[in-house]
Each structure stands twice: as structure tokens, then as C-alpha cells.
PDB file of N, CA and C in Angstrom:
ATOM      1  N   SER A   1     -17.404   7.429 -74.051  1.00  0.00           N
ATOM      2  CA  SER A   1     -17.747   6.742 -75.297  1.00  0.00           C
ATOM      3  C   SER A   1     -16.715   6.005 -74.948  1.00  0.00           C
ATOM      4  N   ARG A   2     -16.416   5.706 -74.102  1.00  0.00           N
ATOM      5  CA  ARG A   2     -15.826   4.549 -73.647  1.00  0.00           C
ATOM      6  C   ARG A   2     -16.885   3.417 -72.845  1.00  0.00           C
ATOM      7  N   LEU A   3     -17.380   3.041 -72.665  1.00  0.00           N
ATOM      8  CA  LEU A   3     -18.325   2.445 -72.614  1.00  0.00           C
ATOM      9  C   LEU A   3     -18.955   1.553 -73.059  1.00  0.00           C
ATOM     10  N   GLN A   4     -19.099  -0.223 -73.475  1.00  0.00           N
ATOM     11  CA  GLN A   4     -18.928  -0.791 -74.301  1.00  0.00           C
ATOM     12  C   GLN A   4     -20.145  -1.871 -74.182  1.00  0.00           C
ATOM     13  N   GLU A   5     -20.360  -2.169 -73.369  1.00  0.00           N
ATOM     14  CA  GLU A   5     -21.178  -3.052 -72.957  1.00  0.00           C
ATOM     15  C   GLU A   5     -22.302  -2.349 -72.248  1.00  0.00           C
ATOM     16  N   SER A   6     -23.603  -2.951 -72.668  1.00  0.00           N
ATOM     17  CA  SER A   6     -24.891  -2.634 -72.389  1.00  0.00           C
ATOM     18  C   SER A   6     -24.789  -2.861 -71.127  1.00  0.00           C
ATOM     19  N   ALA A   7     -24.581  -3.511 -69.471  1.00  0.00           N
ATOM     20  CA  ALA A   7     -24.526  -3.362 -68.783  1.00  0.00           C
ATOM     21  C   ALA A   7     -23.520  -2.089 -67.704  1.00  0.00           C
ATOM     22  N   GLU A   8     -22.380  -1.922 -68.605  1.00  0.00           N
ATOM     23  CA  GLU A   8     -22.289  -1.379 -67.441  1.00  0.00           C
ATOM     24  C   GLU A   8     -22.116   0.235 -68.513  1.00  0.00           C
ATOM     25  N   ILE A   9     -22.876   0.328 -69.585  1.00  0.00           N
ATOM     26  CA  ILE A   9     -23.816   1.458 -69.696  1.00  0.00           C
ATOM     27  C   ILE A   9     -24.905   1.610 -68.653  1.00  0.00           C
ATOM     28  N   ALA A  10     -26.301   0.808 -68.655  1.00  0.00           N
ATOM     29  CA  ALA A  10     -26.893   0.789 -67.685  1.00  0.00           C
ATOM     30  C   ALA A  10     -25.991   1.280 -66.432  1.00  0.00           C
ATOM     31  N   LEU A  11     -25.173   0.709 -65.811  1.00  0.00           N
ATOM     32  CA  LEU A  11     -25.368   0.870 -64.742  1.00  0.00           C
ATOM     33  C   LEU A  11     -24.327   3.072 -64.750  1.00  0.00           C
ATOM     34  N   PHE A  12     -23.887   3.051 -65.096  1.00  0.00           N
ATOM     35  CA  PHE A  12     -23.044   4.433 -65.464  1.00  0.00           C
ATOM     36  C   PHE A  12     -24.624   5.618 -65.873  1.00  0.00           C
ATOM     37  N   GLU A  13     -25.206   5.543 -66.178  1.00  0.00           N
ATOM     38  CA  GLU A  13     -26.895   5.921 -65.895  1.00  0.00           C
ATOM     39  C   GLU A  13     -27.039   5.850 -65.067  1.00  0.00           C
ATOM     40  N   ALA A  14     -27.495   4.480 -64.218  1.00  0.00           N
ATOM     41  CA  ALA A  14     -28.389   4.722 -63.021  1.00  0.00           C
ATOM     42  C   ALA A  14     -27.316   4.850 -61.982  1.00  0.00           C
ATOM     43  N   THR A  15     -26.141   4.717 -62.463  1.00  0.00           N
ATOM     44  CA  THR A  15     -25.456   5.994 -61.260  1.00  0.00           C
ATOM     45  C   THR A  15     -25.286   7.161 -61.084  1.00  0.00           C
ATOM     46  N   GLU A  16     -25.363   7.910 -62.521  1.00  0.00           N
ATOM     47  CA  GLU A  16     -25.087   9.292 -62.401  1.00  0.00           C
ATOM     48  C   GLU A  16     -26.606   9.780 -62.703  1.00  0.00           C
ATOM     49  N   GLN A  17     -27.986   8.755 -62.940  1.00  0.00           N
ATOM     50  CA  GLN A  17     -29.776   9.815 -62.540  1.00  0.00           C
ATOM     51  C   GLN A  17     -29.235   9.697 -60.799  1.00  0.00           C
ATOM     52  N   SER A  18     -28.936   8.911 -60.258  1.00  0.00           N
ATOM     53  CA  SER A  18     -29.430   8.530 -58.095  1.00  0.00           C
ATOM     54  C   SER A  18     -28.731   8.948 -57.578  1.00  0.00           C
ATOM     55  N   GLU A  19     -26.996   9.878 -58.048  1.00  0.00           N
ATOM     56  CA  GLU A  19     -26.360  10.325 -58.043  1.00  0.00           C
ATOM     57  C   GLU A  19     -26.642  11.760 -57.293  1.00  0.00           C
ATOM     58  N   GLN A  20     -27.678  12.611 -58.284  1.00  0.00           N
ATOM     59  CA  GLN A  20     -28.457  13.527 -58.089  1.00  0.00           C
ATOM     60  C   GLN A  20     -29.433  13.841 -57.512  1.00  0.00           C
ATOM     61  N   GLU A  21     -30.274  12.931 -58.080  1.00  0.00           N
ATOM     62  CA  GLU A  21     -31.121  13.026 -56.750  1.00  0.00           C
ATOM     63  C   GLU A  21     -31.064  12.140 -55.328  1.00  0.00           C
ATOM     64  N   ILE A  22     -29.062  11.350 -55.285  1.00  0.00           N
ATOM     65  CA  ILE A  22     -29.316  10.479 -53.659  1.00  0.00           C
ATOM     66  C   ILE A  22     -29.012  12.712 -53.142  1.00  0.00           C
ATOM     67  N   ASN A  23     -27.732  12.563 -53.923  1.00  0.00           N
ATOM     68  CA  ASN A  23     -27.290  14.408 -53.275  1.00  0.00           C
ATOM     69  C   ASN A  23     -28.576  15.235 -52.372  1.00  0.00           C
ATOM     70  N   VAL A  24     -29.115  15.377 -53.536  1.00  0.00           N
ATOM     71  CA  VAL A  24     -30.661  16.459 -53.057  1.00  0.00           C
ATOM     72  C   VAL A  24     -31.391  15.917 -51.862  1.00  0.00           C
ATOM     73  N   LEU A  25     -31.229  14.227 -52.052  1.00  0.00           N
ATOM     74  CA  LEU A  25     -31.720  14.087 -50.905  1.00  0.00           C
ATOM     75  C   LEU A  25     -31.469  14.099 -49.531  1.00  0.00           C
ATOM     76  N   LEU A  26     -29.865  13.544 -49.583  1.00  0.00           N
ATOM     77  CA  LEU A  26     -29.033  13.395 -48.451  1.00  0.00           C
ATOM     78  C   LEU A  26     -29.078  14.999 -48.241  1.00  0.00           C
ATOM     79  N   LYS A  27     -28.975  16.072 -48.473  1.00  0.00           N
ATOM     80  CA  LYS A  27     -29.259  17.812 -48.165  1.00  0.00           C
ATOM     81  C   LYS A  27     -30.339  17.834 -47.052  1.00  0.00           C
ATOM     82  N   GLY A  28     -31.759  17.640 -47.556  1.00  0.00           N
ATOM     83  CA  GLY A  28     -33.018  16.985 -47.014  1.00  0.00           C
ATOM     84  C   GLY A  28     -33.043  16.441 -45.925  1.00  0.00           C
ATOM     85  N   HIS A  29     -31.719  15.551 -45.515  1.00  0.00           N
ATOM     86  CA  HIS A  29     -32.358  14.798 -44.262  1.00  0.00           C
ATOM     87  C   HIS A  29     -33.319  13.933 -44.591  1.00  0.00           C
ATOM     88  N   ASN A  30     -33.507  13.387 -45.991  1.00  0.00           N
ATOM     89  CA  ASN A  30     -34.570  12.164 -46.192  1.00  0.00           C
ATOM     90  C   ASN A  30     -33.686  10.923 -46.470  1.00  0.00           C
ATOM     91  N   TYR A  31     -33.554  10.359 -45.586  1.00  0.00           N
ATOM     92  CA  TYR A  31     -32.725   9.073 -45.480  1.00  0.00           C
ATOM     93  C   TYR A  31     -33.250   8.092 -46.222  1.00  0.00           C
ATOM     94  N   ILE A  32     -34.267   8.028 -45.562  1.00  0.00           N
ATOM     95  CA  ILE A  32     -35.420   6.972 -46.078  1.00  0.00           C
ATOM     96  C   ILE A  32     -34.914   6.696 -47.424  1.00  0.00           C
ATOM     97  N   GLU A  33     -35.869   7.980 -47.975  1.00  0.00           N
ATOM     98  CA  GLU A  33     -36.184   7.714 -49.664  1.00  0.00           C
ATOM     99  C   GLU A  33     -34.338   7.450 -50.137  1.00  0.00           C
ATOM    100  N   VAL A  34     -33.274   8.018 -49.921  1.00  0.00           N
ATOM    101  CA  VAL A  34     -31.670   8.143 -50.103  1.00  0.00           C
ATOM    102  C   VAL A  34     -31.870   5.894 -49.933  1.00  0.00           C
ATOM    103  N   LEU A  35     -32.001   5.205 -49.088  1.00  0.00           N
ATOM    104  CA  LEU A  35     -31.911   4.178 -49.352  1.00  0.00           C
ATOM    105  C   LEU A  35     -32.805   3.553 -50.179  1.00  0.00           C
ATOM    106  N   SER A  36     -34.564   3.973 -50.720  1.00  0.00           N
ATOM    107  CA  SER A  36     -34.860   3.733 -51.718  1.00  0.00           C
ATOM    108  C   SER A  36     -34.402   4.113 -53.228  1.00  0.00           C
ATOM    109  N   HIS A  37     -33.643   5.412 -52.807  1.00  0.00           N
ATOM    110  CA  HIS A  37     -32.391   5.205 -54.821  1.00  0.00           C
ATOM    111  C   HIS A  37     -31.582   4.360 -54.566  1.00  0.00           C
ATOM    112  N   VAL A  38     -31.154   3.718 -53.214  1.00  0.00           N
ATOM    113  CA  VAL A  38     -29.772   2.905 -54.005  1.00  0.00           C
ATOM    114  C   VAL A  38     -30.797   1.812 -53.650  1.00  0.00           C
ATOM    115  N   ALA A  39     -31.333   1.596 -53.494  1.00  0.00           N
ATOM    116  CA  ALA A  39     -31.922   0.252 -53.812  1.00  0.00           C
ATOM    117  C   ALA A  39     -32.200   0.373 -55.584  1.00  0.00           C
ATOM    118  N   VAL A  40     -32.377   0.242 -55.822  1.00  0.00           N
ATOM    119  CA  VAL A  40     -32.728   0.545 -56.927  1.00  0.00           C
ATOM    120  C   VAL A  40     -31.618   0.257 -58.603  1.00  0.00           C
ATOM    121  N   LEU A  41     -31.090   0.486 -57.958  1.00  0.00           N
ATOM    122  CA  LEU A  41     -29.468  -0.054 -58.266  1.00  0.00           C
ATOM    123  C   LEU A  41     -28.684  -0.674 -57.903  1.00  0.00           C
ATOM    124  N   GLU A  42     -29.189  -2.134 -57.377  1.00  0.00           N
ATOM    125  CA  GLU A  42     -29.740  -3.447 -57.423  1.00  0.00           C
ATOM    126  C   GLU A  42     -28.887  -3.911 -58.426  1.00  0.00           C
ATOM    127  N   ASN A  43     -29.809  -4.061 -59.727  1.00  0.00           N
ATOM    128  CA  ASN A  43     -30.212  -4.725 -60.693  1.00  0.00           C
ATOM    129  C   ASN A  43     -29.175  -4.179 -61.566  1.00  0.00           C
ATOM    130  N   PRO A  44     -28.489  -3.064 -61.962  1.00  0.00           N
ATOM    131  CA  PRO A  44     -27.696  -2.783 -62.291  1.00  0.00           C
ATOM    132  C   PRO A  44     -26.466  -3.443 -62.209  1.00  0.00           C
ATOM    133  N   VAL A  45     -25.987  -2.932 -60.921  1.00  0.00           N
ATOM    134  CA  VAL A  45     -25.434  -3.638 -60.396  1.00  0.00           C
ATOM    135  C   VAL A  45     -24.674  -4.979 -60.264  1.00  0.00           C
ATOM    136  N   ASN A  46     -25.743  -5.641 -60.318  1.00  0.00           N
ATOM    137  CA  ASN A  46     -26.286  -7.037 -60.662  1.00  0.00           C
ATOM    138  C   ASN A  46     -24.986  -7.790 -61.863  1.00  0.00           C
ATOM    139  N   SER A  47     -26.373  -7.162 -62.802  1.00  0.00           N
ATOM    140  CA  SER A  47     -26.081  -7.178 -63.972  1.00  0.00           C
ATOM    141  C   SER A  47     -24.029  -6.913 -64.881  1.00  0.00           C
ATOM    142  N   PHE A  48     -23.837  -5.263 -63.661  1.00  0.00           N
ATOM    143  CA  PHE A  48     -22.570  -4.901 -64.563  1.00  0.00           C
ATOM    144  C   PHE A  48     -21.556  -6.354 -64.372  1.00  0.00           C
ATOM    145  N   PHE A  49     -21.633  -6.565 -62.969  1.00  0.00           N
ATOM    146  CA  PHE A  49     -20.968  -7.609 -62.552  1.00  0.00           C
ATOM    147  C   PHE A  49     -21.232  -9.153 -63.011  1.00  0.00           C
ATOM    148  N   ASP A  50     -22.129  -9.138 -63.588  1.00  0.00           N
ATOM    149  CA  ASP A  50     -22.734 -10.622 -64.238  1.00  0.00           C
ATOM    150  C   ASP A  50     -22.051 -10.324 -65.394  1.00  0.00           C
ATOM    151  N   HIS A  51     -21.810  -9.226 -66.418  1.00  0.00           N
ATOM    152  CA  HIS A  51     -21.616  -9.225 -67.629  1.00  0.00           C
ATOM    153  C   HIS A  51     -20.558  -9.411 -68.243  1.00  0.00           C
ATOM    154  N   VAL A  52     -20.011  -8.152 -67.488  1.00  0.00           N
ATOM    155  CA  VAL A  52     -18.851  -7.063 -67.528  1.00  0.00           C
ATOM    156  C   VAL A  52     -17.356  -7.764 -67.026  1.00  0.00           C
ATOM    157  N   MET A  53     -16.827  -7.987 -68.164  1.00  0.00           N
ATOM    158  CA  MET A  53     -15.258  -8.400 -67.828  1.00  0.00           C
ATOM    159  C   MET A  53     -14.332  -7.334 -67.523  1.00  0.00           C
ATOM    160  N   ILE A  54     -14.401  -6.565 -65.474  1.00  0.00           N
ATOM    161  CA  ILE A  54     -14.080  -5.737 -65.409  1.00  0.00           C
ATOM    162  C   ILE A  54     -12.177  -5.436 -65.682  1.00  0.00           C
ATOM    163  N   MET A  55     -11.817  -6.296 -65.690  1.00  0.00           N
ATOM    164  CA  MET A  55     -10.385  -6.448 -65.791  1.00  0.00           C
ATOM    165  C   MET A  55      -9.968  -6.445 -67.020  1.00  0.00           C
ATOM    166  N   SER A  56     -10.173  -5.843 -68.295  1.00  0.00           N
ATOM    167  CA  SER A  56     -10.570  -5.945 -69.633  1.00  0.00           C
ATOM    168  C   SER A  56      -8.686  -6.241 -69.919  1.00  0.00           C
ATOM    169  N   GLY A  57      -8.396  -6.556 -71.127  1.00  0.00           N
ATOM    170  CA  GLY A  57      -6.824  -6.811 -71.449  1.00  0.00           C
ATOM    171  C   GLY A  57      -6.408  -5.090 -72.162  1.00  0.00           C
ATOM    172  N   ASP A  58      -8.013  -4.565 -73.005  1.00  0.00           N
ATOM    173  CA  ASP A  58      -8.069  -2.511 -72.872  1.00  0.00           C
ATOM    174  C   ASP A  58      -7.376  -2.020 -71.559  1.00  0.00           C
ATOM    175  N   SER A  59      -6.252  -1.732 -71.285  1.00  0.00           N
ATOM    176  CA  SER A  59      -6.272  -0.791 -70.000  1.00  0.00           C
ATOM    177  C   SER A  59      -7.193   0.543 -70.163  1.00  0.00           C
ATOM    178  N   THR A  60      -7.397   1.041 -71.376  1.00  0.00           N
ATOM    179  CA  THR A  60      -8.072   2.189 -70.904  1.00  0.00           C
ATOM    180  C   THR A  60      -9.181   1.670 -70.849  1.00  0.00           C
ATOM    181  N   VAL A  61      -9.815   0.804 -71.296  1.00  0.00           N
ATOM    182  CA  VAL A  61     -11.364   0.315 -70.617  1.00  0.00           C
ATOM    183  C   VAL A  61     -11.145   0.005 -68.922  1.00  0.00           C
ATOM    184  N   ARG A  62     -10.178  -0.830 -69.286  1.00  0.00           N
ATOM    185  CA  ARG A  62      -9.777  -0.888 -67.709  1.00  0.00           C
ATOM    186  C   ARG A  62     -10.151  -0.240 -66.244  1.00  0.00           C
ATOM    187  N   ARG A  63      -9.672   0.947 -66.767  1.00  0.00           N
ATOM    188  CA  ARG A  63      -9.556   1.831 -66.099  1.00  0.00           C
ATOM    189  C   ARG A  63     -11.227   2.742 -65.922  1.00  0.00           C
ATOM    190  N   ASN A  64     -11.781   2.636 -66.896  1.00  0.00           N
ATOM    191  CA  ASN A  64     -13.079   3.313 -67.090  1.00  0.00           C
ATOM    192  C   ASN A  64     -13.900   2.371 -66.140  1.00  0.00           C
ATOM    193  N   ARG A  65     -13.460   1.015 -66.190  1.00  0.00           N
ATOM    194  CA  ARG A  65     -14.580   0.047 -65.453  1.00  0.00           C
ATOM    195  C   ARG A  65     -14.103   0.192 -63.594  1.00  0.00           C
ATOM    196  N   LEU A  66     -13.556   0.784 -63.846  1.00  0.00           N
ATOM    197  CA  LEU A  66     -12.822   0.961 -62.019  1.00  0.00           C
ATOM    198  C   LEU A  66     -12.714   2.422 -61.924  1.00  0.00           C
ATOM    199  N   ALA A  67     -13.549   2.810 -62.644  1.00  0.00           N
ATOM    200  CA  ALA A  67     -13.429   4.506 -62.464  1.00  0.00           C
ATOM    201  C   ALA A  67     -15.022   4.523 -62.213  1.00  0.00           C
ATOM    202  N   LEU A  68     -16.228   3.698 -62.681  1.00  0.00           N
ATOM    203  CA  LEU A  68     -17.110   3.590 -62.753  1.00  0.00           C
ATOM    204  C   LEU A  68     -17.614   3.021 -61.299  1.00  0.00           C
ATOM    205  N   LEU A  69     -16.487   2.089 -60.946  1.00  0.00           N
ATOM    206  CA  LEU A  69     -17.050   1.485 -59.816  1.00  0.00           C
ATOM    207  C   LEU A  69     -16.581   2.421 -58.025  1.00  0.00           C
ATOM    208  N   GLN A  70     -15.388   2.908 -58.679  1.00  0.00           N
ATOM    209  CA  GLN A  70     -15.386   3.899 -57.281  1.00  0.00           C
ATOM    210  C   GLN A  70     -16.431   5.328 -57.645  1.00  0.00           C
ATOM    211  N   LYS A  71     -16.467   5.863 -58.607  1.00  0.00           N
ATOM    212  CA  LYS A  71     -17.849   6.884 -58.368  1.00  0.00           C
ATOM    213  C   LYS A  71     -19.456   6.347 -57.356  1.00  0.00           C
ATOM    214  N   LEU A  72     -19.120   4.833 -58.285  1.00  0.00           N
ATOM    215  CA  LEU A  72     -20.386   3.936 -57.214  1.00  0.00           C
ATOM    216  C   LEU A  72     -20.604   3.972 -56.130  1.00  0.00           C
ATOM    217  N   TYR A  73     -18.787   4.179 -55.750  1.00  0.00           N
ATOM    218  CA  TYR A  73     -17.916   3.135 -54.148  1.00  0.00           C
ATOM    219  C   TYR A  73     -18.422   4.877 -53.608  1.00  0.00           C
ATOM    220  N   GLN A  74     -18.130   5.860 -54.450  1.00  0.00           N
ATOM    221  CA  GLN A  74     -17.910   7.445 -52.950  1.00  0.00           C
ATOM    222  C   GLN A  74     -19.446   7.322 -53.325  1.00  0.00           C
ATOM    223  N   LEU A  75     -20.475   7.370 -54.240  1.00  0.00           N
ATOM    224  CA  LEU A  75     -21.864   7.215 -53.663  1.00  0.00           C
ATOM    225  C   LEU A  75     -22.139   6.775 -52.221  1.00  0.00           C
ATOM    226  N   PHE A  76     -22.204   5.406 -52.825  1.00  0.00           N
ATOM    227  CA  PHE A  76     -22.471   4.676 -51.117  1.00  0.00           C
ATOM    228  C   PHE A  76     -22.186   4.983 -49.969  1.00  0.00           C
ATOM    229  N   ARG A  77     -21.043   5.427 -50.310  1.00  0.00           N
ATOM    230  CA  ARG A  77     -19.630   5.849 -49.081  1.00  0.00           C
ATOM    231  C   ARG A  77     -20.407   7.202 -48.518  1.00  0.00           C
ATOM    232  N   GLN A  78     -21.300   7.769 -49.192  1.00  0.00           N
ATOM    233  CA  GLN A  78     -21.871   9.304 -48.586  1.00  0.00           C
ATOM    234  C   GLN A  78     -23.179   9.141 -47.736  1.00  0.00           C
ATOM    235  N   ILE A  79     -23.572   8.325 -48.494  1.00  0.00           N
ATOM    236  CA  ILE A  79     -24.625   7.114 -47.405  1.00  0.00           C
ATOM    237  C   ILE A  79     -24.543   6.550 -46.429  1.00  0.00           C
ATOM    238  N   ALA A  80     -22.742   5.826 -45.892  1.00  0.00           N
ATOM    239  CA  ALA A  80     -22.656   4.609 -45.451  1.00  0.00           C
ATOM    240  C   ALA A  80     -21.698   4.497 -45.881  1.00  0.00           C
ATOM    241  N   ASP A  81     -20.548   4.026 -44.828  1.00  0.00           N
ATOM    242  CA  ASP A  81     -19.428   3.290 -44.788  1.00  0.00           C
ATOM    243  C   ASP A  81     -19.142   1.309 -45.214  1.00  0.00           C
ATOM    244  N   ILE A  82     -20.136   1.286 -45.649  1.00  0.00           N
ATOM    245  CA  ILE A  82     -20.010   0.182 -46.581  1.00  0.00           C
ATOM    246  C   ILE A  82     -18.759  -1.182 -45.903  1.00  0.00           C
ATOM    247  N   SER A  83     -17.821  -1.018 -45.253  1.00  0.00           N
ATOM    248  CA  SER A  83     -16.863  -1.412 -45.283  1.00  0.00           C
ATOM    249  C   SER A  83     -17.423  -2.199 -43.802  1.00  0.00           C
ATOM    250  N   LYS A  84     -17.814  -1.081 -43.251  1.00  0.00           N
ATOM    251  CA  LYS A  84     -18.639  -1.153 -41.787  1.00  0.00           C
ATOM    252  C   LYS A  84     -19.562  -2.941 -41.164  1.00  0.00           C
ATOM    253  N   LEU A  85     -20.236  -2.816 -42.358  1.00  0.00           N
ATOM    254  CA  LEU A  85     -21.073  -3.910 -42.425  1.00  0.00           C
ATOM    255  C   LEU A  85     -20.436  -5.210 -42.360  1.00  0.00           C
ATOM    256  N   SER A  86     -20.880  -6.515 -42.215  1.00  0.00           N
ATOM    257  CA  SER A  86     -20.879  -7.880 -41.563  1.00  0.00           C
ATOM    258  C   SER A  86     -21.770  -8.235 -42.018  1.00  0.00           C
ATOM    259  N   SER A  87     -21.528  -9.743 -41.574  1.00  0.00           N
ATOM    260  CA  SER A  87     -22.781 -10.689 -41.835  1.00  0.00           C
ATOM    261  C   SER A  87     -23.232 -11.930 -40.610  1.00  0.00           C
TER     262      SER A  87
END
């Protein structure tokens, strides 16, 4: 109910769906399929950052958006420690 923008709703829904699928794939050690599911999140993530003001003036909305990003980070962290990636 705290999701306001269509881009944040889309990211939440994509994250929820991917999280369930990725958890099953990780248990089965299907890492190539896991990466395919992560790739599906590219468009919702890009849209979220392009269209949503994360640091909203409304503290409840801001915390909710940060929590969504934390959930996404935790999902990615199950697969790889992205902080170790460099260009």
C-alpha cells in the first residue's frame, strides 16, 4: 500500500517473483538459470532509478523505497558479492 509510482510497483513485483524462482534455482545449483533470472530485473531496476525519487520528503515512503532496494541487494548478494565487482 506504500508503493506509489508504477516503476516501484513493477520493481517490487519483479523482485518478489524473481526471489522465489532464484531461491529454487540456487537450491538446485542451477547458476546459469539464476543469472538469466537476474538479467530480467535490469529493466525494472533501470526504470526505478530513472523515474522514482528514492529520498522522498515523506519519511515512510523513503524508508519503504530504501527497504525495497535492500531487498534487491540481499537477493543479488545470494548470488554474488557485487561489492567485489570492478570495471
